[in-house]
PDB file of N, CA and C in Angstrom:
ATOM      1  N   UNK A   1       1.633  -0.242   9.255  1.00  0.00           N
ATOM      2  CA  UNK A   1       0.010   0.373   8.947  1.00  0.00           C
ATOM      3  C   UNK A   1      -0.698  -0.968   8.684  1.00  0.00           C
ATOM      4  N   UNK A   2      -2.070  -0.995   9.341  1.00  0.00           N
ATOM      5  CA  UNK A   2      -2.907  -1.715   8.968  1.00  0.00           C
ATOM      6  C   UNK A   2      -4.211  -1.131   8.436  1.00  0.00           C
ATOM      7  N   UNK A   3      -4.574  -1.320   7.326  1.00  0.00           N
ATOM      8  CA  UNK A   3      -5.733  -0.478   6.740  1.00  0.00           C
ATOM      9  C   UNK A   3      -6.777  -1.489   6.635  1.00  0.00           C
ATOM     10  N   UNK A   4      -7.932  -1.243   7.193  1.00  0.00           N
ATOM     11  CA  UNK A   4      -9.290  -1.974   6.979  1.00  0.00           C
ATOM     12  C   UNK A   4     -10.249  -1.325   6.235  1.00  0.00           C
ATOM     13  N   UNK A   5     -10.697  -2.112   5.449  1.00  0.00           N
ATOM     14  CA  UNK A   5     -11.540  -1.527   4.443  1.00  0.00           C
ATOM     15  C   UNK A   5     -13.087  -2.308   4.557  1.00  0.00           C
ATOM     16  N   UNK A   6     -14.138  -1.496   4.792  1.00  0.00           N
ATOM     17  CA  UNK A   6     -15.441  -1.857   4.853  1.00  0.00           C
ATOM     18  C   UNK A   6     -16.457  -1.296   3.925  1.00  0.00           C
ATOM     19  N   UNK A   7     -17.377  -1.975   3.242  1.00  0.00           N
ATOM     20  CA  UNK A   7     -18.165  -1.427   2.284  1.00  0.00           C
ATOM     21  C   UNK A   7     -17.721  -0.200   1.461  1.00  0.00           C
ATOM     22  N   UNK A   8     -16.414  -0.524   1.036  1.00  0.00           N
ATOM     23  CA  UNK A   8     -15.912   0.603   0.161  1.00  0.00           C
ATOM     24  C   UNK A   8     -15.083   1.789   0.740  1.00  0.00           C
ATOM     25  N   UNK A   9     -15.046   1.794   1.997  1.00  0.00           N
ATOM     26  CA  UNK A   9     -14.265   2.903   2.748  1.00  0.00           C
ATOM     27  C   UNK A   9     -13.359   2.388   3.710  1.00  0.00           C
ATOM     28  N   UNK A  10     -12.318   3.292   4.035  1.00  0.00           N
ATOM     29  CA  UNK A  10     -11.531   3.071   4.717  1.00  0.00           C
ATOM     30  C   UNK A  10     -12.134   3.058   6.382  1.00  0.00           C
ATOM     31  N   UNK A  11     -12.200   1.951   7.036  1.00  0.00           N
ATOM     32  CA  UNK A  11     -12.917   1.508   8.216  1.00  0.00           C
ATOM     33  C   UNK A  11     -12.049   1.940   9.576  1.00  0.00           C
ATOM     34  N   UNK A  12     -10.699   1.644   9.315  1.00  0.00           N
ATOM     35  CA  UNK A  12      -9.814   1.707  10.513  1.00  0.00           C
ATOM     36  C   UNK A  12      -8.403   1.681   9.908  1.00  0.00           C
ATOM     37  N   UNK A  13      -7.426   2.471  10.773  1.00  0.00           N
ATOM     38  CA  UNK A  13      -5.980   2.341  10.319  1.00  0.00           C
ATOM     39  C   UNK A  13      -5.172   2.179  11.737  1.00  0.00           C
ATOM     40  N   UNK A  14      -4.466   1.065  11.764  1.00  0.00           N
ATOM     41  CA  UNK A  14      -3.732   0.791  12.867  1.00  0.00           C
ATOM     42  C   UNK A  14      -2.345   1.146  12.737  1.00  0.00           C
ATOM     43  N   UNK A  15      -1.439   1.755  13.612  1.00  0.00           N
ATOM     44  CA  UNK A  15      -0.157   1.937  13.512  1.00  0.00           C
ATOM     45  C   UNK A  15       0.367   1.838  14.849  1.00  0.00           C
ATOM     46  N   UNK A  16       1.292   1.019  15.336  1.00  0.00           N
ATOM     47  CA  UNK A  16       1.520  -0.292  14.480  1.00  0.00           C
ATOM     48  C   UNK A  16       0.396  -1.110  14.585  1.00  0.00           C
ATOM     49  N   UNK A  17       0.518  -2.162  13.544  1.00  0.00           N
ATOM     50  CA  UNK A  17      -0.637  -3.131  13.530  1.00  0.00           C
ATOM     51  C   UNK A  17      -0.326  -4.033  14.651  1.00  0.00           C
ATOM     52  N   UNK A  18      -1.557  -4.494  15.243  1.00  0.00           N
ATOM     53  CA  UNK A  18      -1.226  -5.707  16.384  1.00  0.00           C
ATOM     54  C   UNK A  18      -0.457  -6.847  15.873  1.00  0.00           C
ATOM     55  N   UNK A  19       0.335  -7.305  16.678  1.00  0.00           N
ATOM     56  CA  UNK A  19       1.054  -8.701  16.613  1.00  0.00           C
ATOM     57  C   UNK A  19       0.250  -9.764  16.093  1.00  0.00           C
ATOM     58  N   UNK A  20       0.608 -10.640  15.172  1.00  0.00           N
ATOM     59  CA  UNK A  20      -0.258 -11.574  14.909  1.00  0.00           C
ATOM     60  C   UNK A  20      -1.542 -11.494  14.032  1.00  0.00           C
ATOM     61  N   UNK A  21      -1.794 -10.187  13.625  1.00  0.00           N
ATOM     62  CA  UNK A  21      -3.049  -9.691  13.049  1.00  0.00           C
ATOM     63  C   UNK A  21      -3.093 -10.176  11.731  1.00  0.00           C
ATOM     64  N   UNK A  22      -4.177 -10.956  11.405  1.00  0.00           N
ATOM     65  CA  UNK A  22      -4.253 -11.502  10.034  1.00  0.00           C
ATOM     66  C   UNK A  22      -4.911 -10.479   8.950  1.00  0.00           C
ATOM     67  N   UNK A  23      -4.305 -10.870   7.784  1.00  0.00           N
ATOM     68  CA  UNK A  23      -5.055  -9.677   6.722  1.00  0.00           C
ATOM     69  C   UNK A  23      -5.250 -10.594   5.554  1.00  0.00           C
ATOM     70  N   UNK A  24      -5.846 -10.252   4.463  1.00  0.00           N
ATOM     71  CA  UNK A  24      -6.254 -10.747   3.224  1.00  0.00           C
ATOM     72  C   UNK A  24      -4.907 -10.589   2.403  1.00  0.00           C
ATOM     73  N   UNK A  25      -4.315  -9.494   2.328  1.00  0.00           N
ATOM     74  CA  UNK A  25      -2.989  -9.385   1.597  1.00  0.00           C
ATOM     75  C   UNK A  25      -2.014  -8.266   2.408  1.00  0.00           C
ATOM     76  N   UNK A  26      -0.968  -8.217   1.928  1.00  0.00           N
ATOM     77  CA  UNK A  26      -0.136  -7.151   2.357  1.00  0.00           C
ATOM     78  C   UNK A  26       0.828  -6.883   1.439  1.00  0.00           C
ATOM     79  N   UNK A  27       1.134  -5.365   1.398  1.00  0.00           N
ATOM     80  CA  UNK A  27       2.067  -4.876   0.415  1.00  0.00           C
ATOM     81  C   UNK A  27       3.170  -4.032   1.370  1.00  0.00           C
ATOM     82  N   UNK A  28       4.317  -4.689   1.459  1.00  0.00           N
ATOM     83  CA  UNK A  28       5.339  -4.405   2.552  1.00  0.00           C
ATOM     84  C   UNK A  28       6.604  -3.762   1.602  1.00  0.00           C
ATOM     85  N   UNK A  29       7.274  -2.678   2.371  1.00  0.00           N
ATOM     86  CA  UNK A  29       8.305  -2.076   2.010  1.00  0.00           C
ATOM     87  C   UNK A  29       8.834  -1.363   3.086  1.00  0.00           C
ATOM     88  N   UNK A  30      10.113  -0.962   3.033  1.00  0.00           N
ATOM     89  CA  UNK A  30      10.962  -0.358   3.832  1.00  0.00           C
ATOM     90  C   UNK A  30      10.444   1.214   3.895  1.00  0.00           C
ATOM     91  N   UNK A  31      10.608   1.851   5.193  1.00  0.00           N
ATOM     92  CA  UNK A  31      10.119   3.076   5.440  1.00  0.00           C
ATOM     93  C   UNK A  31      10.691   3.979   4.226  1.00  0.00           C
ATOM     94  N   UNK A  32      11.970   3.866   3.772  1.00  0.00           N
ATOM     95  CA  UNK A  32      12.686   4.684   2.906  1.00  0.00           C
ATOM     96  C   UNK A  32      11.735   4.393   1.437  1.00  0.00           C
ATOM     97  N   UNK A  33      11.412   3.143   1.208  1.00  0.00           N
ATOM     98  CA  UNK A  33      10.571   2.920   0.018  1.00  0.00           C
ATOM     99  C   UNK A  33       9.217   3.680  -0.210  1.00  0.00           C
ATOM    100  N   UNK A  34       8.389   3.786   1.172  1.00  0.00           N
ATOM    101  CA  UNK A  34       7.357   4.164   1.149  1.00  0.00           C
ATOM    102  C   UNK A  34       7.442   5.810   1.265  1.00  0.00           C
ATOM    103  N   UNK A  35       8.489   6.515   1.774  1.00  0.00           N
ATOM    104  CA  UNK A  35       8.611   7.855   1.506  1.00  0.00           C
ATOM    105  C   UNK A  35       8.984   8.155   0.277  1.00  0.00           C
ATOM    106  N   UNK A  36       9.549   7.392  -0.591  1.00  0.00           N
ATOM    107  CA  UNK A  36       9.900   7.695  -1.811  1.00  0.00           C
ATOM    108  C   UNK A  36       8.579   7.596  -2.883  1.00  0.00           C
ATOM    109  N   UNK A  37       7.770   6.645  -2.372  1.00  0.00           N
ATOM    110  CA  UNK A  37       6.601   6.324  -3.204  1.00  0.00           C
ATOM    111  C   UNK A  37       5.439   7.733  -2.815  1.00  0.00           C
ATOM    112  N   UNK A  38       5.617   8.120  -1.595  1.00  0.00           N
ATOM    113  CA  UNK A  38       4.698   9.185  -1.190  1.00  0.00           C
ATOM    114  C   UNK A  38       5.152  10.472  -1.732  1.00  0.00           C
ATOM    115  N   UNK A  39       6.446  10.747  -2.483  1.00  0.00           N
ATOM    116  CA  UNK A  39       6.762  12.047  -2.912  1.00  0.00           C
ATOM    117  C   UNK A  39       5.624  12.604  -3.804  1.00  0.00           C
ATOM    118  N   UNK A  40       5.554  13.932  -3.849  1.00  0.00           N
ATOM    119  CA  UNK A  40       4.515  14.530  -4.748  1.00  0.00           C
ATOM    120  C   UNK A  40       4.634  14.272  -6.190  1.00  0.00           C
ATOM    121  N   UNK A  41       6.073  14.116  -6.740  1.00  0.00           N
ATOM    122  CA  UNK A  41       6.342  13.635  -7.993  1.00  0.00           C
ATOM    123  C   UNK A  41       7.469  12.542  -7.675  1.00  0.00           C
ATOM    124  N   UNK A  42       7.018  11.121  -7.434  1.00  0.00           N
ATOM    125  CA  UNK A  42       7.843  10.138  -7.207  1.00  0.00           C
ATOM    126  C   UNK A  42       8.983   9.919  -8.411  1.00  0.00           C
ATOM    127  N   UNK A  43      10.075   9.512  -8.253  1.00  0.00           N
ATOM    128  CA  UNK A  43      10.998   9.364  -8.876  1.00  0.00           C
ATOM    129  C   UNK A  43      10.846   7.984  -9.877  1.00  0.00           C
ATOM    130  N   UNK A  44      11.270   7.710 -11.049  1.00  0.00           N
ATOM    131  CA  UNK A  44      10.862   6.911 -12.048  1.00  0.00           C
ATOM    132  C   UNK A  44      11.199   5.476 -11.055  1.00  0.00           C
ATOM    133  N   UNK A  45      10.222   4.626 -11.270  1.00  0.00           N
ATOM    134  CA  UNK A  45      10.304   3.390 -10.581  1.00  0.00           C
ATOM    135  C   UNK A  45       9.841   3.331  -8.980  1.00  0.00           C
ATOM    136  N   UNK A  46       9.357   4.541  -8.548  1.00  0.00           N
ATOM    137  CA  UNK A  46       8.879   4.750  -7.382  1.00  0.00           C
ATOM    138  C   UNK A  46       7.443   5.062  -7.483  1.00  0.00           C
ATOM    139  N   UNK A  47       6.878   5.128  -8.613  1.00  0.00           N
ATOM    140  CA  UNK A  47       5.673   5.786  -8.813  1.00  0.00           C
ATOM    141  C   UNK A  47       4.528   4.801  -8.618  1.00  0.00           C
ATOM    142  N   UNK A  48       4.859   3.551  -8.575  1.00  0.00           N
ATOM    143  CA  UNK A  48       3.714   2.349  -8.799  1.00  0.00           C
ATOM    144  C   UNK A  48       4.214   1.334  -7.599  1.00  0.00           C
ATOM    145  N   UNK A  49       3.432   0.645  -7.137  1.00  0.00           N
ATOM    146  CA  UNK A  49       3.452  -0.586  -6.241  1.00  0.00           C
ATOM    147  C   UNK A  49       4.207  -1.554  -6.930  1.00  0.00           C
ATOM    148  N   UNK A  50       3.525  -1.912  -8.148  1.00  0.00           N
ATOM    149  CA  UNK A  50       4.185  -3.085  -8.890  1.00  0.00           C
ATOM    150  C   UNK A  50       5.500  -2.636  -9.490  1.00  0.00           C
ATOM    151  N   UNK A  51       6.120  -1.438  -9.963  1.00  0.00           N
ATOM    152  CA  UNK A  51       7.198  -1.049 -10.354  1.00  0.00           C
ATOM    153  C   UNK A  51       8.161  -1.337  -9.027  1.00  0.00           C
ATOM    154  N   UNK A  52       7.655  -1.070  -8.031  1.00  0.00           N
ATOM    155  CA  UNK A  52       8.537  -1.091  -6.874  1.00  0.00           C
ATOM    156  C   UNK A  52       8.793  -2.502  -6.520  1.00  0.00           C
ATOM    157  N   UNK A  53       7.774  -3.451  -6.777  1.00  0.00           N
ATOM    158  CA  UNK A  53       7.929  -4.649  -6.462  1.00  0.00           C
ATOM    159  C   UNK A  53       8.898  -5.323  -7.466  1.00  0.00           C
ATOM    160  N   UNK A  54       8.727  -5.098  -8.650  1.00  0.00           N
ATOM    161  CA  UNK A  54       9.681  -5.491  -9.741  1.00  0.00           C
ATOM    162  C   UNK A  54      11.218  -4.993  -9.366  1.00  0.00           C
ATOM    163  N   UNK A  55      11.330  -3.984  -8.779  1.00  0.00           N
ATOM    164  CA  UNK A  55      12.734  -3.263  -8.597  1.00  0.00           C
ATOM    165  C   UNK A  55      13.199  -3.922  -7.181  1.00  0.00           C
ATOM    166  N   UNK A  56      12.309  -4.637  -6.486  1.00  0.00           N
ATOM    167  CA  UNK A  56      12.783  -5.280  -5.253  1.00  0.00           C
ATOM    168  C   UNK A  56      12.650  -4.516  -4.185  1.00  0.00           C
ATOM    169  N   UNK A  57      11.955  -3.207  -4.093  1.00  0.00           N
ATOM    170  CA  UNK A  57      11.732  -2.267  -2.967  1.00  0.00           C
ATOM    171  C   UNK A  57      10.370  -2.592  -2.048  1.00  0.00           C
ATOM    172  N   UNK A  58       9.600  -3.564  -2.750  1.00  0.00           N
ATOM    173  CA  UNK A  58       8.402  -3.916  -1.998  1.00  0.00           C
ATOM    174  C   UNK A  58       8.022  -5.310  -2.448  1.00  0.00           C
ATOM    175  N   UNK A  59       7.299  -5.838  -1.551  1.00  0.00           N
ATOM    176  CA  UNK A  59       6.746  -7.212  -1.814  1.00  0.00           C
ATOM    177  C   UNK A  59       5.241  -7.350  -1.562  1.00  0.00           C
ATOM    178  N   UNK A  60       4.553  -7.910  -2.191  1.00  0.00           N
ATOM    179  CA  UNK A  60       3.046  -8.210  -2.161  1.00  0.00           C
ATOM    180  C   UNK A  60       2.666  -9.693  -1.857  1.00  0.00           C
ATOM    181  N   UNK A  61       2.018  -9.873  -0.646  1.00  0.00           N
ATOM    182  CA  UNK A  61       2.010 -11.332  -0.235  1.00  0.00           C
ATOM    183  C   UNK A  61       0.362 -11.444   0.233  1.00  0.00           C
ATOM    184  N   UNK A  62       0.245 -12.666   0.229  1.00  0.00           N
ATOM    185  CA  UNK A  62      -1.577 -13.066   0.354  1.00  0.00           C
ATOM    186  C   UNK A  62      -2.111 -13.222  -0.655  1.00  0.00           C
ATOM    187  N   UNK A  63      -3.512 -13.147  -0.378  1.00  0.00           N
ATOM    188  CA  UNK A  63      -4.592 -13.741  -1.425  1.00  0.00           C
ATOM    189  C   UNK A  63      -4.701 -12.379  -2.442  1.00  0.00           C
ATOM    190  N   UNK A  64      -4.089 -12.545  -3.707  1.00  0.00           N
ATOM    191  CA  UNK A  64      -3.975 -11.430  -4.558  1.00  0.00           C
ATOM    192  C   UNK A  64      -5.561 -11.138  -5.250  1.00  0.00           C
ATOM    193  N   UNK A  65      -6.381 -11.862  -5.003  1.00  0.00           N
ATOM    194  CA  UNK A  65      -7.867 -11.731  -5.659  1.00  0.00           C
ATOM    195  C   UNK A  65      -8.328 -10.338  -5.114  1.00  0.00           C
ATOM    196  N   UNK A  66      -8.488 -10.001  -3.821  1.00  0.00           N
ATOM    197  CA  UNK A  66      -8.968  -8.863  -3.451  1.00  0.00           C
ATOM    198  C   UNK A  66      -8.372  -7.506  -3.907  1.00  0.00           C
ATOM    199  N   UNK A  67      -7.013  -7.841  -3.947  1.00  0.00           N
ATOM    200  CA  UNK A  67      -6.251  -6.501  -4.301  1.00  0.00           C
ATOM    201  C   UNK A  67      -6.358  -6.407  -5.977  1.00  0.00           C
ATOM    202  N   UNK A  68      -6.408  -7.448  -6.707  1.00  0.00           N
ATOM    203  CA  UNK A  68      -6.583  -7.289  -8.071  1.00  0.00           C
ATOM    204  C   UNK A  68      -8.032  -6.841  -8.659  1.00  0.00           C
ATOM    205  N   UNK A  69      -9.057  -7.283  -7.639  1.00  0.00           N
ATOM    206  CA  UNK A  69     -10.486  -7.105  -8.050  1.00  0.00           C
ATOM    207  C   UNK A  69     -10.659  -5.498  -7.819  1.00  0.00           C
ATOM    208  N   UNK A  70      -9.923  -4.792  -6.702  1.00  0.00           N
ATOM    209  CA  UNK A  70     -10.010  -3.617  -6.444  1.00  0.00           C
ATOM    210  C   UNK A  70      -8.802  -2.727  -6.466  1.00  0.00           C
ATOM    211  N   UNK A  71      -8.122  -2.833  -7.716  1.00  0.00           N
ATOM    212  CA  UNK A  71      -6.769  -2.271  -7.925  1.00  0.00           C
ATOM    213  C   UNK A  71      -6.699  -1.125  -7.839  1.00  0.00           C
ATOM    214  N   UNK A  72      -7.651  -0.294  -8.643  1.00  0.00           N
ATOM    215  CA  UNK A  72      -7.716   1.209  -8.741  1.00  0.00           C
ATOM    216  C   UNK A  72      -7.964   1.826  -7.355  1.00  0.00           C
ATOM    217  N   UNK A  73      -8.843   1.279  -6.658  1.00  0.00           N
ATOM    218  CA  UNK A  73      -9.121   1.838  -5.317  1.00  0.00           C
ATOM    219  C   UNK A  73      -8.008   1.676  -4.376  1.00  0.00           C
ATOM    220  N   UNK A  74      -7.230   0.453  -4.318  1.00  0.00           N
ATOM    221  CA  UNK A  74      -6.092   0.273  -3.488  1.00  0.00           C
ATOM    222  C   UNK A  74      -5.028   1.077  -4.067  1.00  0.00           C
ATOM    223  N   UNK A  75      -4.832   1.403  -5.263  1.00  0.00           N
ATOM    224  CA  UNK A  75      -3.824   2.339  -5.409  1.00  0.00           C
ATOM    225  C   UNK A  75      -3.787   3.778  -4.926  1.00  0.00           C
ATOM    226  N   UNK A  76      -5.254   4.248  -5.226  1.00  0.00           N
ATOM    227  CA  UNK A  76      -5.678   5.624  -4.923  1.00  0.00           C
ATOM    228  C   UNK A  76      -5.460   5.787  -3.506  1.00  0.00           C
ATOM    229  N   UNK A  77      -6.056   4.731  -2.522  1.00  0.00           N
ATOM    230  CA  UNK A  77      -6.005   4.690  -1.003  1.00  0.00           C
ATOM    231  C   UNK A  77      -4.415   5.015  -0.681  1.00  0.00           C
ATOM    232  N   UNK A  78      -3.456   4.135  -1.199  1.00  0.00           N
ATOM    233  CA  UNK A  78      -2.132   4.217  -1.109  1.00  0.00           C
ATOM    234  C   UNK A  78      -1.294   5.347  -1.520  1.00  0.00           C
ATOM    235  N   UNK A  79      -1.895   5.948  -2.814  1.00  0.00           N
ATOM    236  CA  UNK A  79      -1.286   7.230  -3.002  1.00  0.00           C
ATOM    237  C   UNK A  79      -1.893   8.523  -2.437  1.00  0.00           C
ATOM    238  N   UNK A  80      -2.863   8.439  -1.550  1.00  0.00           N
ATOM    239  CA  UNK A  80      -3.418   9.729  -1.106  1.00  0.00           C
ATOM    240  C   UNK A  80      -2.694  10.417   0.032  1.00  0.00           C
ATOM    241  N   UNK A  81      -1.661  10.061   0.560  1.00  0.00           N
ATOM    242  CA  UNK A  81      -0.600  10.589   1.463  1.00  0.00           C
ATOM    243  C   UNK A  81       0.201  11.734   0.643  1.00  0.00           C
ATOM    244  N   UNK A  82       0.179  11.143  -0.860  1.00  0.00           N
ATOM    245  CA  UNK A  82       0.894  12.225  -1.819  1.00  0.00           C
ATOM    246  C   UNK A  82       0.502  13.811  -1.617  1.00  0.00           C
ATOM    247  N   UNK A  83      -0.986  13.878  -1.744  1.00  0.00           N
ATOM    248  CA  UNK A  83      -1.558  15.081  -1.807  1.00  0.00           C
ATOM    249  C   UNK A  83      -1.594  15.689  -0.420  1.00  0.00           C
ATOM    250  N   UNK A  84      -1.435  15.012   0.621  1.00  0.00           N
ATOM    251  CA  UNK A  84      -1.299  15.376   1.952  1.00  0.00           C
ATOM    252  C   UNK A  84      -0.211  16.250   2.351  1.00  0.00           C
ATOM    253  N   UNK A  85       0.736  16.310   1.552  1.00  0.00           N
ATOM    254  CA  UNK A  85       2.029  16.840   1.999  1.00  0.00           C
ATOM    255  C   UNK A  85       2.331  18.363   1.464  1.00  0.00           C
TER     256      UNK A  85
END
């Protein structure tokens, strides 16, 4: 998935993302890791992107400044599918 944010809103979501598409940062994990993260009540260690990174289930790559400057927003967007199920 490639999520584009513009003016504080999700502007576009592409799946699969185009080959060689650039991004400011990436949060990567296996399909199983994302499924565990998106459970209504994730298991311990699967509740947060940083916990999953520390455990080796995800990686965070690229320019971390926009991620850290907008951390709560990014976490809320990524957790949104939890309430959709």
